[in-house]
């Protein structure tokens, strides 16, 4: 999340400086957001595998509730 937010601020600056950069910058932000989502999904998969193998639920350790992960 921090990396995406940093990238967003930087790209927004480029878009304000040069309006021709709006379209490619917007596309880059979509790609960055989707890469972040892929990383989140990978984390969820790894946590599920860890739980299946050990019975230890890591999801509680990062501050979320188990209800957040039932979707």
PDB file of N, CA and C in Angstrom:
ATOM      1  N   UNK A   1       0.812  -1.195   0.000  1.00  0.00           N
ATOM      2  CA  UNK A   1       0.000   0.000   0.000  1.00  0.00           C
ATOM      3  C   UNK A   1       0.859   1.265   0.000  1.00  0.00           C
ATOM      4  N   UNK A   2       1.929   1.234   0.794  1.00  0.00           N
ATOM      5  CA  UNK A   2       2.802   2.415   0.869  1.00  0.00           C
ATOM      6  C   UNK A   2       3.473   2.700  -0.469  1.00  0.00           C
ATOM      7  N   UNK A   3       3.930   1.652  -1.135  1.00  0.00           N
ATOM      8  CA  UNK A   3       4.604   1.835  -2.426  1.00  0.00           C
ATOM      9  C   UNK A   3       3.617   2.386  -3.453  1.00  0.00           C
ATOM     10  N   UNK A   4       2.394   1.831  -3.470  1.00  0.00           N
ATOM     11  CA  UNK A   4       1.386   2.316  -4.414  1.00  0.00           C
ATOM     12  C   UNK A   4       1.064   3.783  -4.139  1.00  0.00           C
ATOM     13  N   UNK A   5       0.876   4.136  -2.882  1.00  0.00           N
ATOM     14  CA  UNK A   5       0.552   5.529  -2.546  1.00  0.00           C
ATOM     15  C   UNK A   5       1.672   6.476  -2.945  1.00  0.00           C
ATOM     16  N   UNK A   6       2.909   6.048  -2.754  1.00  0.00           N
ATOM     17  CA  UNK A   6       4.054   6.861  -3.158  1.00  0.00           C
ATOM     18  C   UNK A   6       4.077   7.031  -4.677  1.00  0.00           C
ATOM     19  N   UNK A   7       3.864   5.933  -5.397  1.00  0.00           N
ATOM     20  CA  UNK A   7       3.823   5.983  -6.859  1.00  0.00           C
ATOM     21  C   UNK A   7       2.684   6.883  -7.331  1.00  0.00           C
ATOM     22  N   UNK A   8       1.532   6.765  -6.687  1.00  0.00           N
ATOM     23  CA  UNK A   8       0.379   7.580  -7.065  1.00  0.00           C
ATOM     24  C   UNK A   8       0.705   9.068  -6.962  1.00  0.00           C
ATOM     25  N   UNK A   9       1.325   9.470  -5.855  1.00  0.00           N
ATOM     26  CA  UNK A   9       1.670  10.888  -5.684  1.00  0.00           C
ATOM     27  C   UNK A   9       2.663  11.348  -6.748  1.00  0.00           C
ATOM     28  N   UNK A  10       3.647  10.511  -7.034  1.00  0.00           N
ATOM     29  CA  UNK A  10       4.654  10.879  -8.028  1.00  0.00           C
ATOM     30  C   UNK A  10       4.044  10.984  -9.427  1.00  0.00           C
ATOM     31  N   UNK A  11       3.216  10.017  -9.786  1.00  0.00           N
ATOM     32  CA  UNK A  11       2.592  10.027 -11.112  1.00  0.00           C
ATOM     33  C   UNK A  11       1.622  11.201 -11.234  1.00  0.00           C
ATOM     34  N   UNK A  12       0.918  11.515 -10.172  1.00  0.00           N
ATOM     35  CA  UNK A  12       0.011  12.661 -10.189  1.00  0.00           C
ATOM     36  C   UNK A  12       0.773  13.952 -10.479  1.00  0.00           C
ATOM     37  N   UNK A  13       1.961  14.077  -9.928  1.00  0.00           N
ATOM     38  CA  UNK A  13       2.807  15.243 -10.196  1.00  0.00           C
ATOM     39  C   UNK A  13       3.159  15.323 -11.677  1.00  0.00           C
ATOM     40  N   UNK A  14       3.533  14.174 -12.269  1.00  0.00           N
ATOM     41  CA  UNK A  14       3.852  14.156 -13.703  1.00  0.00           C
ATOM     42  C   UNK A  14       2.643  14.559 -14.539  1.00  0.00           C
ATOM     43  N   UNK A  15       1.473  14.092 -14.144  1.00  0.00           N
ATOM     44  CA  UNK A  15       0.264  14.416 -14.914  1.00  0.00           C
ATOM     45  C   UNK A  15      -0.051  15.908 -14.843  1.00  0.00           C
ATOM     46  N   UNK A  16       0.178  16.519 -13.699  1.00  0.00           N
ATOM     47  CA  UNK A  16      -0.091  17.956 -13.571  1.00  0.00           C
ATOM     48  C   UNK A  16       0.923  18.782 -14.355  1.00  0.00           C
ATOM     49  N   UNK A  17       2.168  18.296 -14.432  1.00  0.00           N
ATOM     50  CA  UNK A  17       3.209  19.026 -15.158  1.00  0.00           C
ATOM     51  C   UNK A  17       3.040  18.923 -16.664  1.00  0.00           C
ATOM     52  N   UNK A  18       2.552  17.789 -17.147  1.00  0.00           N
ATOM     53  CA  UNK A  18       2.428  17.568 -18.589  1.00  0.00           C
ATOM     54  C   UNK A  18       1.128  16.819 -18.879  1.00  0.00           C
ATOM     55  N   UNK A  19       0.103  17.521 -19.320  1.00  0.00           N
ATOM     56  CA  UNK A  19      -1.192  16.877 -19.582  1.00  0.00           C
ATOM     57  C   UNK A  19      -1.124  15.729 -20.593  1.00  0.00           C
ATOM     58  N   UNK A  20      -0.110  15.709 -21.441  1.00  0.00           N
ATOM     59  CA  UNK A  20       0.028  14.594 -22.395  1.00  0.00           C
ATOM     60  C   UNK A  20       0.319  13.283 -21.670  1.00  0.00           C
ATOM     61  N   UNK A  21       0.761  13.370 -20.427  1.00  0.00           N
ATOM     62  CA  UNK A  21       1.106  12.174 -19.657  1.00  0.00           C
ATOM     63  C   UNK A  21      -0.096  11.580 -18.916  1.00  0.00           C
ATOM     64  N   UNK A  22      -1.260  12.227 -19.013  1.00  0.00           N
ATOM     65  CA  UNK A  22      -2.420  11.760 -18.248  1.00  0.00           C
ATOM     66  C   UNK A  22      -2.825  10.339 -18.642  1.00  0.00           C
ATOM     67  N   UNK A  23      -2.980  10.088 -19.928  1.00  0.00           N
ATOM     68  CA  UNK A  23      -3.419   8.763 -20.363  1.00  0.00           C
ATOM     69  C   UNK A  23      -2.416   7.659 -20.008  1.00  0.00           C
ATOM     70  N   UNK A  24      -1.131   7.799 -20.378  1.00  0.00           N
ATOM     71  CA  UNK A  24      -0.198   6.723 -20.013  1.00  0.00           C
ATOM     72  C   UNK A  24      -0.016   6.586 -18.499  1.00  0.00           C
ATOM     73  N   UNK A  25      -0.099   7.700 -17.793  1.00  0.00           N
ATOM     74  CA  UNK A  25       0.056   7.643 -16.339  1.00  0.00           C
ATOM     75  C   UNK A  25      -1.117   6.924 -15.690  1.00  0.00           C
ATOM     76  N   UNK A  26      -2.309   7.177 -16.210  1.00  0.00           N
ATOM     77  CA  UNK A  26      -3.490   6.499 -15.686  1.00  0.00           C
ATOM     78  C   UNK A  26      -3.377   4.996 -15.896  1.00  0.00           C
ATOM     79  N   UNK A  27      -2.919   4.605 -17.080  1.00  0.00           N
ATOM     80  CA  UNK A  27      -2.736   3.179 -17.355  1.00  0.00           C
ATOM     81  C   UNK A  27      -1.705   2.566 -16.407  1.00  0.00           C
ATOM     82  N   UNK A  28      -0.633   3.297 -16.147  1.00  0.00           N
ATOM     83  CA  UNK A  28       0.393   2.792 -15.241  1.00  0.00           C
ATOM     84  C   UNK A  28      -0.167   2.618 -13.827  1.00  0.00           C
ATOM     85  N   UNK A  29      -1.024   3.535 -13.399  1.00  0.00           N
ATOM     86  CA  UNK A  29      -1.627   3.411 -12.071  1.00  0.00           C
ATOM     87  C   UNK A  29      -2.551   2.192 -11.995  1.00  0.00           C
ATOM     88  N   UNK A  30      -3.296   1.921 -13.079  1.00  0.00           N
ATOM     89  CA  UNK A  30      -4.134   0.725 -13.104  1.00  0.00           C
ATOM     90  C   UNK A  30      -3.276  -0.535 -12.986  1.00  0.00           C
ATOM     91  N   UNK A  31      -2.172  -0.573 -13.710  1.00  0.00           N
ATOM     92  CA  UNK A  31      -1.267  -1.720 -13.644  1.00  0.00           C
ATOM     93  C   UNK A  31      -0.705  -1.870 -12.233  1.00  0.00           C
ATOM     94  N   UNK A  32      -0.263  -0.766 -11.650  1.00  0.00           N
ATOM     95  CA  UNK A  32       0.313  -0.813 -10.302  1.00  0.00           C
ATOM     96  C   UNK A  32      -0.712  -1.303  -9.287  1.00  0.00           C
ATOM     97  N   UNK A  33      -1.946  -0.837  -9.391  1.00  0.00           N
ATOM     98  CA  UNK A  33      -2.990  -1.260  -8.450  1.00  0.00           C
ATOM     99  C   UNK A  33      -3.272  -2.743  -8.599  1.00  0.00           C
ATOM    100  N   UNK A  34      -3.310  -3.222  -9.839  1.00  0.00           N
ATOM    101  CA  UNK A  34      -3.558  -4.645 -10.049  1.00  0.00           C
ATOM    102  C   UNK A  34      -2.395  -5.503  -9.577  1.00  0.00           C
ATOM    103  N   UNK A  35      -1.169  -5.028  -9.729  1.00  0.00           N
ATOM    104  CA  UNK A  35      -0.021  -5.759  -9.191  1.00  0.00           C
ATOM    105  C   UNK A  35      -0.095  -5.829  -7.665  1.00  0.00           C
ATOM    106  N   UNK A  36      -0.547  -4.752  -7.052  1.00  0.00           N
ATOM    107  CA  UNK A  36      -0.722  -4.755  -5.596  1.00  0.00           C
ATOM    108  C   UNK A  36      -1.767  -5.800  -5.189  1.00  0.00           C
ATOM    109  N   UNK A  37      -2.854  -5.872  -5.943  1.00  0.00           N
ATOM    110  CA  UNK A  37      -3.898  -6.858  -5.647  1.00  0.00           C
ATOM    111  C   UNK A  37      -3.376  -8.283  -5.813  1.00  0.00           C
ATOM    112  N   UNK A  38      -2.546  -8.505  -6.841  1.00  0.00           N
ATOM    113  CA  UNK A  38      -1.951  -9.825  -7.043  1.00  0.00           C
ATOM    114  C   UNK A  38      -1.101 -10.195  -5.829  1.00  0.00           C
ATOM    115  N   UNK A  39      -0.318  -9.236  -5.354  1.00  0.00           N
ATOM    116  CA  UNK A  39       0.498  -9.482  -4.165  1.00  0.00           C
ATOM    117  C   UNK A  39      -0.353  -9.808  -2.950  1.00  0.00           C
ATOM    118  N   UNK A  40      -1.468  -9.099  -2.792  1.00  0.00           N
ATOM    119  CA  UNK A  40      -2.380  -9.379  -1.673  1.00  0.00           C
ATOM    120  C   UNK A  40      -2.965 -10.784  -1.785  1.00  0.00           C
ATOM    121  N   UNK A  41      -3.341 -11.179  -2.993  1.00  0.00           N
ATOM    122  CA  UNK A  41      -3.870 -12.531  -3.196  1.00  0.00           C
ATOM    123  C   UNK A  41      -2.803 -13.579  -2.883  1.00  0.00           C
ATOM    124  N   UNK A  42      -1.565 -13.330  -3.310  1.00  0.00           N
ATOM    125  CA  UNK A  42      -0.479 -14.263  -3.010  1.00  0.00           C
ATOM    126  C   UNK A  42      -0.283 -14.408  -1.510  1.00  0.00           C
ATOM    127  N   UNK A  43      -0.365 -13.291  -0.794  1.00  0.00           N
ATOM    128  CA  UNK A  43      -0.241 -13.334   0.662  1.00  0.00           C
ATOM    129  C   UNK A  43      -1.360 -14.172   1.267  1.00  0.00           C
ATOM    130  N   UNK A  44      -2.581 -13.969   0.788  1.00  0.00           N
ATOM    131  CA  UNK A  44      -3.714 -14.746   1.303  1.00  0.00           C
ATOM    132  C   UNK A  44      -3.532 -16.236   1.052  1.00  0.00           C
ATOM    133  N   UNK A  45      -3.062 -16.593  -0.137  1.00  0.00           N
ATOM    134  CA  UNK A  45      -2.828 -18.001  -0.463  1.00  0.00           C
ATOM    135  C   UNK A  45      -1.760 -18.580   0.455  1.00  0.00           C
ATOM    136  N   UNK A  46      -0.672 -17.849   0.649  1.00  0.00           N
ATOM    137  CA  UNK A  46       0.402 -18.329   1.520  1.00  0.00           C
ATOM    138  C   UNK A  46      -0.098 -18.516   2.951  1.00  0.00           C
ATOM    139  N   UNK A  47      -0.933 -17.605   3.427  1.00  0.00           N
ATOM    140  CA  UNK A  47      -1.484 -17.732   4.781  1.00  0.00           C
ATOM    141  C   UNK A  47      -2.389 -18.955   4.889  1.00  0.00           C
ATOM    142  N   UNK A  48      -3.181 -19.220   3.838  1.00  0.00           N
ATOM    143  CA  UNK A  48      -4.053 -20.395   3.856  1.00  0.00           C
ATOM    144  C   UNK A  48      -3.239 -21.685   3.861  1.00  0.00           C
ATOM    145  N   UNK A  49      -2.193 -21.736   3.050  1.00  0.00           N
ATOM    146  CA  UNK A  49      -1.329 -22.917   3.006  1.00  0.00           C
ATOM    147  C   UNK A  49      -0.666 -23.123   4.362  1.00  0.00           C
ATOM    148  N   UNK A  50      -0.178 -22.047   4.956  1.00  0.00           N
ATOM    149  CA  UNK A  50       0.448 -22.139   6.283  1.00  0.00           C
ATOM    150  C   UNK A  50      -0.555 -22.685   7.301  1.00  0.00           C
ATOM    151  N   UNK A  51      -1.786 -22.208   7.236  1.00  0.00           N
ATOM    152  CA  UNK A  51      -2.820 -22.672   8.162  1.00  0.00           C
ATOM    153  C   UNK A  51      -3.106 -24.162   7.963  1.00  0.00           C
ATOM    154  N   UNK A  52      -3.222 -24.587   6.706  1.00  0.00           N
ATOM    155  CA  UNK A  52      -3.507 -25.994   6.423  1.00  0.00           C
ATOM    156  C   UNK A  52      -2.382 -26.883   6.942  1.00  0.00           C
ATOM    157  N   UNK A  53      -1.147 -26.433   6.791  1.00  0.00           N
ATOM    158  CA  UNK A  53      -0.006 -27.250   7.200  1.00  0.00           C
ATOM    159  C   UNK A  53       0.257 -27.229   8.700  1.00  0.00           C
ATOM    160  N   UNK A  54      -0.012 -26.088   9.351  1.00  0.00           N
ATOM    161  CA  UNK A  54       0.376 -25.951  10.762  1.00  0.00           C
ATOM    162  C   UNK A  54      -0.794 -25.753  11.717  1.00  0.00           C
ATOM    163  N   UNK A  55      -1.929 -25.306  11.218  1.00  0.00           N
ATOM    164  CA  UNK A  55      -3.057 -24.988  12.086  1.00  0.00           C
ATOM    165  C   UNK A  55      -2.944 -23.620  12.728  1.00  0.00           C
ATOM    166  N   UNK A  56      -1.889 -22.890  12.419  1.00  0.00           N
ATOM    167  CA  UNK A  56      -1.650 -21.559  12.975  1.00  0.00           C
ATOM    168  C   UNK A  56      -2.214 -20.514  12.017  1.00  0.00           C
ATOM    169  N   UNK A  57      -3.200 -19.732  12.494  1.00  0.00           N
ATOM    170  CA  UNK A  57      -3.851 -18.729  11.648  1.00  0.00           C
ATOM    171  C   UNK A  57      -3.089 -17.411  11.720  1.00  0.00           C
ATOM    172  N   UNK A  58      -2.375 -17.070  10.668  1.00  0.00           N
ATOM    173  CA  UNK A  58      -1.564 -15.852  10.629  1.00  0.00           C
ATOM    174  C   UNK A  58      -2.391 -14.599  10.403  1.00  0.00           C
ATOM    175  N   UNK A  59      -3.597 -14.734   9.921  1.00  0.00           N
ATOM    176  CA  UNK A  59      -4.400 -13.563   9.573  1.00  0.00           C
ATOM    177  C   UNK A  59      -4.659 -12.667  10.776  1.00  0.00           C
ATOM    178  N   UNK A  60      -4.808 -13.211  11.942  1.00  0.00           N
ATOM    179  CA  UNK A  60      -5.053 -12.399  13.136  1.00  0.00           C
ATOM    180  C   UNK A  60      -3.851 -11.540  13.480  1.00  0.00           C
ATOM    181  N   UNK A  61      -2.651 -12.006  13.145  1.00  0.00           N
ATOM    182  CA  UNK A  61      -1.426 -11.296  13.510  1.00  0.00           C
ATOM    183  C   UNK A  61      -1.248  -9.990  12.757  1.00  0.00           C
ATOM    184  N   UNK A  62      -1.827  -9.852  11.580  1.00  0.00           N
ATOM    185  CA  UNK A  62      -1.626  -8.614  10.831  1.00  0.00           C
ATOM    186  C   UNK A  62      -2.747  -7.608  11.065  1.00  0.00           C
ATOM    187  N   UNK A  63      -3.599  -7.859  12.046  1.00  0.00           N
ATOM    188  CA  UNK A  63      -4.564  -6.858  12.454  1.00  0.00           C
ATOM    189  C   UNK A  63      -5.956  -7.034  11.905  1.00  0.00           C
ATOM    190  N   UNK A  64      -6.157  -7.935  10.954  1.00  0.00           N
ATOM    191  CA  UNK A  64      -7.484  -8.140  10.405  1.00  0.00           C
ATOM    192  C   UNK A  64      -8.276  -9.105  11.257  1.00  0.00           C
ATOM    193  N   UNK A  65      -9.558  -9.198  10.972  1.00  0.00           N
ATOM    194  CA  UNK A  65     -10.382 -10.183  11.651  1.00  0.00           C
ATOM    195  C   UNK A  65     -10.645 -11.321  10.696  1.00  0.00           C
ATOM    196  N   UNK A  66     -10.967 -12.466  11.232  1.00  0.00           N
ATOM    197  CA  UNK A  66     -11.245 -13.607  10.371  1.00  0.00           C
ATOM    198  C   UNK A  66     -12.457 -13.361   9.496  1.00  0.00           C
ATOM    199  N   UNK A  67     -13.393 -12.537   9.939  1.00  0.00           N
ATOM    200  CA  UNK A  67     -14.570 -12.222   9.131  1.00  0.00           C
ATOM    201  C   UNK A  67     -14.179 -11.501   7.846  1.00  0.00           C
ATOM    202  N   UNK A  68     -13.054 -10.790   7.868  1.00  0.00           N
ATOM    203  CA  UNK A  68     -12.597 -10.080   6.676  1.00  0.00           C
ATOM    204  C   UNK A  68     -12.200 -11.027   5.560  1.00  0.00           C
ATOM    205  N   UNK A  69     -11.897 -12.287   5.885  1.00  0.00           N
ATOM    206  CA  UNK A  69     -11.316 -13.196   4.906  1.00  0.00           C
ATOM    207  C   UNK A  69     -12.288 -14.277   4.456  1.00  0.00           C
ATOM    208  N   UNK A  70     -13.545 -14.133   4.803  1.00  0.00           N
ATOM    209  CA  UNK A  70     -14.513 -15.148   4.426  1.00  0.00           C
ATOM    210  C   UNK A  70     -15.141 -14.903   3.072  1.00  0.00           C
ATOM    211  N   UNK A  71     -14.765 -13.868   2.386  1.00  0.00           N
ATOM    212  CA  UNK A  71     -15.360 -13.583   1.081  1.00  0.00           C
ATOM    213  C   UNK A  71     -14.560 -14.196  -0.027  1.00  0.00           C
TER     214      UNK A  71
END
